[in-house]
C-alpha atoms as a PDB file:
ATOM      1  CA  LEU A   1     113.022  78.204 105.399  1.00  0.00           C
ATOM      2  CA  ALA A   2     113.084  77.421 101.698  1.00  0.00           C
ATOM      3  CA  LYS A   3     113.113  79.997  98.961  1.00  0.00           C
ATOM      4  CA  VAL A   4     109.977  82.080  99.423  1.00  0.00           C
ATOM      5  CA  ALA A   5     109.392  82.464  95.681  1.00  0.00           C
ATOM      6  CA  ASP A   6     108.691  78.731  95.446  1.00  0.00           C
ATOM      7  CA  TYR A   7     105.456  79.362  97.348  1.00  0.00           C
ATOM      8  CA  GLU A   8     104.263  82.418  95.415  1.00  0.00           C
ATOM      9  CA  PRO A   9     101.155  81.636  93.332  1.00  0.00           C
ATOM     10  CA  GLY A  10     101.264  83.278  89.922  1.00  0.00           C
ATOM     11  CA  ARG A  11      98.621  85.864  89.108  1.00  0.00           C
ATOM     12  CA  LEU A  12      97.013  83.424  86.678  1.00  0.00           C
ATOM     13  CA  ALA A  13      97.175  80.420  89.006  1.00  0.00           C
ATOM     14  CA  SER A  14      94.020  78.348  89.333  1.00  0.00           C
ATOM     15  CA  PRO A  15      92.267  78.140  92.721  1.00  0.00           C
ATOM     16  CA  GLU A  16      93.596  74.589  93.025  1.00  0.00           C
ATOM     17  CA  GLU A  17      97.169  75.725  92.398  1.00  0.00           C
ATOM     18  CA  VAL A  18      96.803  78.567  94.907  1.00  0.00           C
ATOM     19  CA  GLU A  19      95.481  76.176  97.540  1.00  0.00           C
ATOM     20  CA  ALA A  20      98.217  73.600  96.938  1.00  0.00           C
ATOM     21  CA  GLN A  21     100.979  76.202  97.270  1.00  0.00           C
ATOM     22  CA  THR A  22      99.338  77.769 100.308  1.00  0.00           C
ATOM     23  CA  GLN A  23      99.028  74.446 102.095  1.00  0.00           C
ATOM     24  CA  ALA A  24     102.668  73.677 101.289  1.00  0.00           C
ATOM     25  CA  CYS A  25     103.613  77.077 102.718  1.00  0.00           C
ATOM     26  CA  ILE A  26     101.565  76.460 105.881  1.00  0.00           C
ATOM     27  CA  GLN A  27     103.202  73.059 106.309  1.00  0.00           C
ATOM     28  CA  LEU A  28     106.683  74.519 105.971  1.00  0.00           C
ATOM     29  CA  LEU A  29     105.877  77.162 108.562  1.00  0.00           C
ATOM     30  CA  ALA A  30     104.529  74.461 110.890  1.00  0.00           C
ATOM     31  CA  GLU A  31     107.785  72.547 110.525  1.00  0.00           C
ATOM     32  CA  ALA A  32     109.579  75.747 111.542  1.00  0.00           C
ATOM     33  CA  GLY A  33     107.433  75.965 114.685  1.00  0.00           C
ATOM     34  CA  VAL A  34     105.104  78.684 113.421  1.00  0.00           C
ATOM     35  CA  GLU A  35     101.335  78.283 113.718  1.00  0.00           C
ATOM     36  CA  VAL A  36      99.194  79.925 111.067  1.00  0.00           C
ATOM     37  CA  GLU A  37      95.562  79.461 110.155  1.00  0.00           C
ATOM     38  CA  ARG A  38      94.133  79.502 106.679  1.00  0.00           C
ATOM     39  CA  VAL A  39      91.571  82.263 106.306  1.00  0.00           C
ATOM     40  CA  ALA A  40      89.179  83.059 103.492  1.00  0.00           C
ATOM     41  CA  ASP A  41      90.659  84.599 100.396  1.00  0.00           C
ATOM     42  CA  ARG A  42      88.938  87.768  99.265  1.00  0.00           C
ATOM     43  CA  ASP A  43      88.064  89.523  96.056  1.00  0.00           C
ATOM     44  CA  ASP A  44      86.997  93.131  96.533  1.00  0.00           C
ATOM     45  CA  GLY A  45      86.985  93.805  92.810  1.00  0.00           C
ATOM     46  CA  GLY A  46      89.589  95.062  90.393  1.00  0.00           C
ATOM     47  CA  PHE A  47      93.136  94.665  91.666  1.00  0.00           C
ATOM     48  CA  CYS A  48      92.051  94.065  95.283  1.00  0.00           C
ATOM     49  CA  VAL A  49      92.395  90.296  95.365  1.00  0.00           C
ATOM     50  CA  VAL A  50      94.006  88.286  98.160  1.00  0.00           C
ATOM     51  CA  GLN A  51      95.120  84.722  97.402  1.00  0.00           C
ATOM     52  CA  GLY A  52      96.567  82.288  99.908  1.00  0.00           C
ATOM     53  CA  ALA A  53      95.485  84.310 102.947  1.00  0.00           C
ATOM     54  CA  VAL A  54      96.643  83.276 106.418  1.00  0.00           C
ATOM     55  CA  ARG A  55      96.738  84.662 109.945  1.00  0.00           C
ATOM     56  CA  ILE A  56      99.765  84.058 112.173  1.00  0.00           C
ATOM     57  CA  LYS A  57      98.770  82.473 115.500  1.00  0.00           C
ATOM     58  CA  GLY A  58     102.045  81.685 117.261  1.00  0.00           C
ATOM     59  CA  GLY A  59     105.713  80.782 117.144  1.00  0.00           C
ATOM     60  CA  VAL A  60     106.864  84.238 116.089  1.00  0.00           C
ATOM     61  CA  THR A  61     106.899  87.766 117.532  1.00  0.00           C
ATOM     62  CA  PRO A  62     103.229  88.835 117.668  1.00  0.00           C
ATOM     63  CA  LEU A  63     101.906  91.495 115.333  1.00  0.00           C
ATOM     64  CA  ALA A  64      99.478  94.179 116.445  1.00  0.00           C
ATOM     65  CA  PRO A  65      96.702  94.307 115.509  1.00  0.00           C
ATOM     66  CA  SER A  66      96.579  90.545 116.010  1.00  0.00           C
ATOM     67  CA  ASP A  67      93.931  89.851 113.354  1.00  0.00           C
ATOM     68  CA  LEU A  68      96.147  90.837 110.418  1.00  0.00           C
ATOM     69  CA  ILE A  69      95.823  88.683 107.335  1.00  0.00           C
ATOM     70  CA  MET A  70      98.558  88.292 104.746  1.00  0.00           C
ATOM     71  CA  ARG A  71      99.532  86.030 101.899  1.00  0.00           C
ATOM     72  CA  CYS A  72     101.376  82.969 103.173  1.00  0.00           C
ATOM     73  CA  PRO A  73     104.681  83.850 101.437  1.00  0.00           C
ATOM     74  CA  MET A  74     104.518  87.249 103.147  1.00  0.00           C
ATOM     75  CA  ALA A  75     104.131  85.437 106.466  1.00  0.00           C
ATOM     76  CA  MET A  76     107.258  83.433 105.595  1.00  0.00           C
ATOM     77  CA  ARG A  77     109.172  86.647 104.978  1.00  0.00           C
ATOM     78  CA  TYR A  78     108.023  88.044 108.317  1.00  0.00           C
ATOM     79  CA  VAL A  79     109.143  84.896 110.160  1.00  0.00           C
ATOM     80  CA  ILE A  80     112.589  85.011 108.551  1.00  0.00           C
ATOM     81  CA  TRP A  81     112.978  88.715 109.377  1.00  0.00           C
ATOM     82  CA  ASP A  82     111.797  88.151 112.944  1.00  0.00           C
ATOM     83  CA  ARG A  83     114.248  85.338 113.600  1.00  0.00           C
ATOM     84  CA  GLN A  84     117.257  86.502 111.645  1.00  0.00           C
ATOM     85  CA  THR A  85     117.034  90.263 112.226  1.00  0.00           C
ATOM     86  CA  LEU A  86     114.442  91.591 114.665  1.00  0.00           C
ATOM     87  CA  ARG A  87     115.089  89.455 117.719  1.00  0.00           C
ATOM     88  CA  PRO A  88     118.900  89.396 117.419  1.00  0.00           C
ATOM     89  CA  ALA A  89     118.999  93.166 116.815  1.00  0.00           C
ATOM     90  CA  ALA A  90     116.861  93.931 119.882  1.00  0.00           C
ATOM     91  CA  ARG A  91     119.136  91.774 122.025  1.00  0.00           C
ATOM     92  CA  ALA A  92     122.274  93.344 120.600  1.00  0.00           C
ATOM     93  CA  VAL A  93     121.147  96.963 120.934  1.00  0.00           C
ATOM     94  CA  PHE A  94     118.830  96.953 123.964  1.00  0.00           C
ATOM     95  CA  GLY A  95     119.649  93.684 125.702  1.00  0.00           C
ATOM     96  CA  THR A  96     116.055  92.489 125.755  1.00  0.00           C
ATOM     97  CA  GLY A  97     113.504  90.589 123.720  1.00  0.00           C
ATOM     98  CA  VAL A  98     110.658  91.873 121.575  1.00  0.00           C
ATOM     99  CA  ALA A  99     107.095  91.788 122.922  1.00  0.00           C
ATOM    100  CA  ARG A 100     105.353  92.697 119.680  1.00  0.00           C
ATOM    101  CA  VAL A 101     105.551  94.584 116.411  1.00  0.00           C
ATOM    102  CA  GLU A 102     103.106  97.488 116.165  1.00  0.00           C
ATOM    103  CA  THR A 103     101.783  97.996 112.639  1.00  0.00           C
ATOM    104  CA  TYR A 104      99.447 100.240 110.684  1.00  0.00           C
ATOM    105  CA  GLY A 105      97.989  97.135 109.149  1.00  0.00           C
ATOM    106  CA  GLY A 106      98.417  94.912 106.133  1.00  0.00           C
ATOM    107  CA  TYR A 107      95.505  94.567 103.711  1.00  0.00           C
ATOM    108  CA  ALA A 108      94.036  97.736 102.219  1.00  0.00           C
ATOM    109  CA  CYS A 109      92.254  98.050  98.874  1.00  0.00           C
ATOM    110  CA  ARG A 110      94.152 101.030  97.465  1.00  0.00           C
ATOM    111  CA  ARG A 111      96.708 102.274  94.996  1.00  0.00           C
ATOM    112  CA  VAL A 112     100.296 103.102  95.889  1.00  0.00           C
ATOM    113  CA  ASN A 113      99.708 106.700  96.963  1.00  0.00           C
ATOM    114  CA  GLY A 114      96.117 106.513  98.079  1.00  0.00           C
ATOM    115  CA  PRO A 115      92.692 105.126  97.214  1.00  0.00           C
ATOM    116  CA  ASP A 116      91.888 107.194  94.153  1.00  0.00           C
ATOM    117  CA  GLY A 117      95.084 108.139  92.343  1.00  0.00           C
ATOM    118  CA  PRO A 118      94.297 107.566  88.646  1.00  0.00           C
ATOM    119  CA  GLY A 119      97.114 105.843  86.832  1.00  0.00           C
ATOM    120  CA  GLU A 120      98.811 104.890  90.081  1.00  0.00           C
ATOM    121  CA  ALA A 121      99.944 101.283  90.348  1.00  0.00           C
ATOM    122  CA  PRO A 122      98.052  99.058  92.784  1.00  0.00           C
ATOM    123  CA  SER A 123      99.624  98.885  96.220  1.00  0.00           C
ATOM    124  CA  GLU A 124     100.930  95.551  97.498  1.00  0.00           C
ATOM    125  CA  HIS A 125      98.593  96.227 100.418  1.00  0.00           C
ATOM    126  CA  ALA A 126      95.760  95.487  97.985  1.00  0.00           C
ATOM    127  CA  ARG A 127      97.051  91.890  97.817  1.00  0.00           C
ATOM    128  CA  ALA A 128      97.776  91.529 101.561  1.00  0.00           C
ATOM    129  CA  ASN A 129     101.399  91.382 100.496  1.00  0.00           C
ATOM    130  CA  ALA A 130     102.705  94.244 102.647  1.00  0.00           C
ATOM    131  CA  LEU A 131     103.134  95.387 106.246  1.00  0.00           C
ATOM    132  CA  ASP A 132     103.622  98.889 107.602  1.00  0.00           C
ATOM    133  CA  VAL A 133     105.716  98.663 110.780  1.00  0.00           C
ATOM    134  CA  ALA A 134     105.216 101.653 113.077  1.00  0.00           C
ATOM    135  CA  ALA A 135     107.038 100.610 116.232  1.00  0.00           C
ATOM    136  CA  ILE A 136     108.753  97.811 118.126  1.00  0.00           C
ATOM    137  CA  ARG A 137     107.585  97.159 121.679  1.00  0.00           C
ATOM    138  CA  LEU A 138     110.324  95.544 123.758  1.00  0.00           C
ATOM    139  CA  GLU A 139     109.748  93.086 126.591  1.00  0.00           C
ATOM    140  CA  ASP A 140     110.869  95.688 129.138  1.00  0.00           C
ATOM    141  CA  GLY A 141     108.120  98.056 127.997  1.00  0.00           C
ATOM    142  CA  ARG A 142     110.184 100.433 125.893  1.00  0.00           C
ATOM    143  CA  VAL A 143     108.729 101.361 122.516  1.00  0.00           C
ATOM    144  CA  ILE A 144     110.995 102.194 119.591  1.00  0.00           C
ATOM    145  CA  GLY A 145     108.922 104.175 117.101  1.00  0.00           C
ATOM    146  CA  VAL A 146     109.847 104.955 113.528  1.00  0.00           C
ATOM    147  CA  ALA A 147     108.291 108.439 113.705  1.00  0.00           C
ATOM    148  CA  TYR A 148     110.529 109.650 116.524  1.00  0.00           C
ATOM    149  CA  ASP A 149     113.501 107.253 116.666  1.00  0.00           C
ATOM    150  CA  TRP A 150     114.513 106.925 113.007  1.00  0.00           C
ATOM    151  CA  ARG A 151     116.923 109.872 113.115  1.00  0.00           C
ATOM    152  CA  GLY A 152     118.090 109.271 116.668  1.00  0.00           C
ATOM    153  CA  GLN A 153     116.288 112.290 118.075  1.00  0.00           C
ATOM    154  CA  GLY A 154     113.749 110.416 120.211  1.00  0.00           C
ATOM    155  CA  ARG A 155     114.023 109.393 123.835  1.00  0.00           C
ATOM    156  CA  HIS A 156     116.136 106.370 122.897  1.00  0.00           C
ATOM    157  CA  GLY A 157     118.732 108.456 121.056  1.00  0.00           C
ATOM    158  CA  ALA A 158     121.359 106.659 119.016  1.00  0.00           C
ATOM    159  CA  GLN A 159     120.205 103.266 120.290  1.00  0.00           C
ATOM    160  CA  GLY A 160     116.766 103.718 118.796  1.00  0.00           C
ATOM    161  CA  ARG A 161     118.249 104.785 115.485  1.00  0.00           C
ATOM    162  CA  ASP A 162     120.672 101.852 115.541  1.00  0.00           C
ATOM    163  CA  LEU A 163     117.909  99.315 116.080  1.00  0.00           C
ATOM    164  CA  LEU A 164     115.707 100.703 113.317  1.00  0.00           C
ATOM    165  CA  LYS A 165     118.582 100.865 110.833  1.00  0.00           C
ATOM    166  CA  ARG A 166     119.460  97.248 111.616  1.00  0.00           C
ATOM    167  CA  LEU A 167     115.837  96.297 111.043  1.00  0.00           C
ATOM    168  CA  ARG A 168     115.871  98.118 107.698  1.00  0.00           C
ATOM    169  CA  ASP A 169     119.111  96.462 106.597  1.00  0.00           C
ATOM    170  CA  GLY A 170     117.862  92.999 107.522  1.00  0.00           C
ATOM    171  CA  ALA A 171     114.498  93.604 105.892  1.00  0.00           C
ATOM    172  CA  CYS A 172     116.180  94.500 102.617  1.00  0.00           C
ATOM    173  CA  ARG A 173     117.593  90.965 102.509  1.00  0.00           C
ATOM    174  CA  VAL A 174     114.183  89.336 103.030  1.00  0.00           C
ATOM    175  CA  PHE A 175     111.477  91.589 101.601  1.00  0.00           C
ATOM    176  CA  SER A 176     111.359  92.795  98.005  1.00  0.00           C
ATOM    177  CA  THR A 177     110.534  96.402  98.859  1.00  0.00           C
ATOM    178  CA  VAL A 178     111.547  98.281 102.008  1.00  0.00           C
ATOM    179  CA  LEU A 179     110.617 101.958 102.233  1.00  0.00           C
ATOM    180  CA  THR A 180     111.670 104.135 105.179  1.00  0.00           C
ATOM    181  CA  PRO A 181     111.471 107.799 106.239  1.00  0.00           C
ATOM    182  CA  ASP A 182     114.512 108.345 104.023  1.00  0.00           C
ATOM    183  CA  TYR A 183     112.377 107.522 100.974  1.00  0.00           C
ATOM    184  CA  ASN A 184     109.662 110.181 101.225  1.00  0.00           C
ATOM    185  CA  ALA A 185     107.368 112.015 103.619  1.00  0.00           C
ATOM    186  CA  ALA A 186     104.618 109.427 103.182  1.00  0.00           C
ATOM    187  CA  HIS A 187     106.828 106.956 105.041  1.00  0.00           C
ATOM    188  CA  ALA A 188     107.914 109.318 107.826  1.00  0.00           C
ATOM    189  CA  ASP A 189     106.284 107.196 110.521  1.00  0.00           C
ATOM    190  CA  HIS A 190     106.692 103.600 109.356  1.00  0.00           C
ATOM    191  CA  LEU A 191     108.727 101.006 107.515  1.00  0.00           C
ATOM    192  CA  HIS A 192     106.880  99.627 104.496  1.00  0.00           C
ATOM    193  CA  LEU A 193     107.783  95.966 103.885  1.00  0.00           C
ATOM    194  CA  ASP A 194     106.401  93.990 100.973  1.00  0.00           C
ATOM    195  CA  GLY A 195     106.909  90.965  98.771  1.00  0.00           C
ATOM    196  CA  ALA A 196     106.444  92.533  95.334  1.00  0.00           C
ATOM    197  CA  ALA A 197     107.944  90.868  92.306  1.00  0.00           C
ATOM    198  CA  ARG A 198     110.307  93.789  91.810  1.00  0.00           C
ATOM    199  CA  GLY A 199     111.842  95.584  94.712  1.00  0.00           C
ATOM    200  CA  LEU A 200     113.507  98.641  96.142  1.00  0.00           C
ATOM    201  CA  CYS A 201     115.404  99.293  99.358  1.00  0.00           C
ATOM    202  CA  ALA A 202     115.204 102.971 100.302  1.00  0.00           C
END
Protein backbone atom coordinates (compact mmCIF):
# COMPACT_ATOMS: atom_id res chain seq x y z
CA LEU A 1 0.00 0.00 0.00
CA ALA A 2 1.16 3.52 -0.76
CA LYS A 3 2.26 6.02 1.82
CA VAL A 4 -0.69 6.49 4.17
CA ALA A 5 -0.03 10.21 4.63
CA ASP A 6 -0.92 10.78 0.97
CA TYR A 7 -4.53 9.97 1.87
CA GLU A 8 -4.80 12.07 5.03
CA PRO A 9 -7.15 15.05 4.54
CA GLY A 10 -5.84 18.20 6.19
CA ARG A 11 -7.87 19.71 9.00
CA LEU A 12 -8.82 22.60 6.73
CA ALA A 13 -9.64 20.45 3.71
CA SER A 14 -12.90 21.19 1.92
CA PRO A 15 -15.64 18.54 1.84
CA GLU A 16 -14.76 17.95 -1.82
CA GLU A 17 -11.10 17.39 -0.99
CA VAL A 18 -12.00 15.03 1.85
CA GLU A 19 -14.28 13.02 -0.44
CA ALA A 20 -11.71 12.82 -3.24
CA GLN A 21 -8.99 11.56 -0.89
CA THR A 22 -11.37 9.13 0.80
CA GLN A 23 -12.50 7.65 -2.50
CA ALA A 24 -8.86 7.30 -3.58
CA CYS A 25 -8.14 5.53 -0.28
CA ILE A 26 -11.13 3.19 -0.74
CA GLN A 27 -9.99 2.39 -4.28
CA LEU A 28 -6.47 1.57 -3.12
CA LEU A 29 -7.84 -0.73 -0.44
CA ALA A 30 -10.06 -2.42 -3.03
CA GLU A 31 -7.02 -3.03 -5.22
CA ALA A 32 -5.39 -4.67 -2.19
CA GLY A 33 -8.39 -6.99 -1.81
CA VAL A 34 -9.98 -5.15 1.11
CA GLU A 35 -13.67 -4.24 1.04
CA VAL A 36 -14.72 -1.11 2.88
CA GLU A 37 -17.91 0.91 2.74
CA ARG A 38 -18.16 4.66 2.93
CA VAL A 39 -20.25 5.72 5.90
CA ALA A 40 -21.56 9.11 6.93
CA ASP A 41 -19.06 11.53 8.36
CA ARG A 42 -20.08 13.04 11.67
CA ASP A 43 -19.75 16.30 13.52
CA ASP A 44 -20.62 16.05 17.20
CA GLY A 45 -19.40 19.57 17.90
CA GLY A 46 -16.08 21.00 18.94
CA PHE A 47 -13.16 18.70 18.23
CA CYS A 48 -15.37 15.62 17.70
CA VAL A 49 -15.37 15.57 13.92
CA VAL A 50 -14.89 12.48 11.75
CA GLN A 51 -13.89 12.97 8.11
CA GLY A 52 -13.50 10.22 5.54
CA ALA A 53 -15.32 7.61 7.63
CA VAL A 54 -15.40 3.99 6.47
CA ARG A 55 -16.31 0.56 7.82
CA ILE A 56 -14.20 -2.48 6.94
CA LYS A 57 -16.32 -5.27 5.42
CA GLY A 58 -13.84 -7.94 4.34
CA GLY A 59 -10.40 -8.95 3.12
CA VAL A 60 -8.71 -8.42 6.47
CA THR A 61 -8.84 -9.93 9.97
CA PRO A 62 -12.27 -8.94 11.35
CA LEU A 63 -12.57 -6.40 14.14
CA ALA A 64 -15.00 -6.79 17.01
CA PRO A 65 -17.32 -5.04 17.39
CA SER A 66 -17.90 -5.34 13.65
CA ASP A 67 -19.62 -1.97 13.21
CA LEU A 68 -16.52 0.09 14.02
CA ILE A 69 -16.03 3.19 11.92
CA MET A 70 -12.66 4.80 11.31
CA ARG A 71 -11.03 7.28 9.00
CA CYS A 72 -9.93 5.60 5.78
CA PRO A 73 -6.19 6.18 6.38
CA MET A 74 -6.61 4.49 9.77
CA ALA A 75 -8.16 1.52 7.97
CA MET A 76 -5.09 1.44 5.71
CA ARG A 77 -2.83 1.32 8.75
CA TYR A 78 -4.86 -1.54 10.22
CA VAL A 79 -4.63 -3.53 6.97
CA ILE A 80 -0.86 -3.09 6.80
CA TRP A 81 -0.45 -4.12 10.44
CA ASP A 82 -2.74 -7.12 9.96
CA ARG A 83 -0.85 -8.41 6.94
CA GLN A 84 2.70 -7.54 7.85
CA THR A 85 2.61 -8.15 11.61
CA LEU A 86 -0.50 -9.70 13.14
CA ARG A 87 -1.02 -12.73 10.94
CA PRO A 88 2.67 -13.63 10.55
CA ALA A 89 3.26 -13.22 14.30
CA ALA A 90 0.33 -15.49 15.23
CA ARG A 91 1.64 -18.16 12.86
CA ALA A 92 5.18 -17.84 14.16
CA VAL A 93 4.30 -17.93 17.87
CA PHE A 94 1.15 -20.08 18.04
CA GLY A 95 1.12 -21.88 14.69
CA THR A 96 -2.40 -20.76 13.82
CA GLY A 97 -4.32 -17.96 12.16
CA VAL A 98 -6.23 -15.08 13.70
CA ALA A 99 -10.03 -15.24 13.92
CA ARG A 100 -10.59 -11.65 15.00
CA VAL A 101 -9.22 -8.67 16.89
CA GLU A 102 -11.22 -7.77 20.00
CA THR A 103 -11.32 -4.03 20.64
CA TYR A 104 -12.73 -1.52 23.10
CA GLY A 105 -13.88 0.50 20.14
CA GLY A 106 -12.70 3.30 17.91
CA TYR A 107 -14.72 6.53 17.84
CA ALA A 108 -15.38 8.29 21.13
CA CYS A 109 -15.99 12.02 21.63
CA ARG A 110 -13.51 12.66 24.44
CA ARG A 111 -10.22 14.16 25.47
CA VAL A 112 -7.04 12.16 25.98
CA ASN A 113 -7.64 11.20 29.61
CA GLY A 114 -11.41 11.27 29.73
CA PRO A 115 -14.48 13.21 28.65
CA ASP A 116 -14.11 16.30 30.80
CA GLY A 117 -10.45 16.98 31.48
CA PRO A 118 -10.07 20.76 31.00
CA GLY A 119 -6.97 21.65 29.05
CA GLU A 120 -6.47 18.07 27.93
CA ALA A 121 -5.77 17.59 24.24
CA PRO A 122 -8.51 15.94 22.17
CA SER A 123 -8.12 12.20 21.84
CA GLU A 124 -7.55 10.69 18.39
CA HIS A 125 -10.63 8.63 19.25
CA ALA A 126 -12.60 11.85 18.77
CA ARG A 127 -11.61 11.73 15.08
CA ALA A 128 -12.14 7.96 14.63
CA ASN A 129 -8.39 7.84 14.18
CA ALA A 130 -7.60 5.29 16.90
CA LEU A 131 -8.24 1.70 17.97
CA ASP A 132 -7.92 0.14 21.41
CA VAL A 133 -6.96 -3.52 20.98
CA ALA A 134 -7.92 -5.65 23.98
CA ALA A 135 -7.27 -9.18 22.76
CA ILE A 136 -6.47 -11.42 19.81
CA ARG A 137 -8.75 -14.40 19.24
CA LEU A 138 -6.94 -17.17 17.37
CA GLU A 139 -8.57 -19.60 14.95
CA ASP A 140 -8.11 -22.46 17.43
CA GLY A 141 -10.16 -20.59 20.04
CA ARG A 142 -7.35 -19.33 22.24
CA VAL A 143 -7.59 -15.70 23.32
CA ILE A 144 -4.46 -13.66 23.97
CA GLY A 145 -5.48 -10.71 26.14
CA VAL A 146 -3.41 -7.64 26.87
CA ALA A 147 -4.66 -7.44 30.47
CA TYR A 148 -3.33 -10.86 31.46
CA ASP A 149 -0.76 -11.84 28.81
CA TRP A 150 1.32 -8.67 28.42
CA ARG A 151 3.80 -9.63 31.15
CA GLY A 152 3.74 -13.35 30.42
CA GLN A 153 1.84 -14.22 33.58
CA GLY A 154 -1.39 -15.39 31.92
CA ARG A 155 -2.35 -18.88 30.85
CA HIS A 156 -0.30 -18.55 27.66
CA GLY A 157 2.90 -17.69 29.52
CA ALA A 158 5.88 -16.51 27.52
CA GLN A 159 4.12 -17.24 24.23
CA GLY A 160 1.37 -14.76 24.99
CA ARG A 161 3.90 -12.12 25.95
CA ASP A 162 5.94 -12.83 22.82
CA LEU A 163 2.95 -12.39 20.53
CA LEU A 164 1.85 -9.13 22.12
CA LYS A 165 5.37 -7.68 22.05
CA ARG A 166 5.66 -8.57 18.36
CA LEU A 167 2.34 -6.86 17.74
CA ARG A 168 3.57 -3.76 19.57
CA ASP A 169 6.85 -3.67 17.65
CA GLY A 170 5.10 -4.04 14.30
CA ALA A 171 2.48 -1.46 15.21
CA CYS A 172 5.17 1.09 15.98
CA ARG A 173 6.26 0.87 12.33
CA VAL A 174 2.74 1.50 11.01
CA PHE A 175 0.81 3.63 13.50
CA SER A 176 1.93 7.04 14.73
CA THR A 177 1.17 6.36 18.39
CA VAL A 178 1.29 2.99 20.15
CA LEU A 179 0.63 2.94 23.90
CA THR A 180 0.88 -0.26 25.95
CA PRO A 181 0.65 -1.33 29.61
CA ASP A 182 4.27 -0.20 29.91
CA TYR A 183 3.14 3.39 29.29
CA ASN A 184 0.71 3.92 32.18
CA ALA A 185 -2.07 2.30 34.19
CA ALA A 186 -4.74 3.66 31.85
CA HIS A 187 -3.43 1.29 29.18
CA ALA A 188 -3.09 -1.77 31.42
CA ASP A 189 -5.65 -3.75 29.43
CA HIS A 190 -5.19 -2.65 25.82
CA LEU A 191 -2.90 -1.45 23.07
CA HIS A 192 -3.80 2.05 21.88
CA LEU A 193 -3.05 2.47 18.16
CA ASP A 194 -3.60 5.73 16.33
CA GLY A 195 -2.67 7.77 13.29
CA ALA A 196 -1.90 11.12 14.92
CA ALA A 197 0.34 13.58 13.15
CA ARG A 198 2.97 13.21 15.86
CA GLY A 199 3.65 9.92 17.49
CA LEU A 200 5.02 7.93 20.38
CA CYS A 201 5.85 4.26 20.84
CA ALA A 202 5.66 3.30 24.52
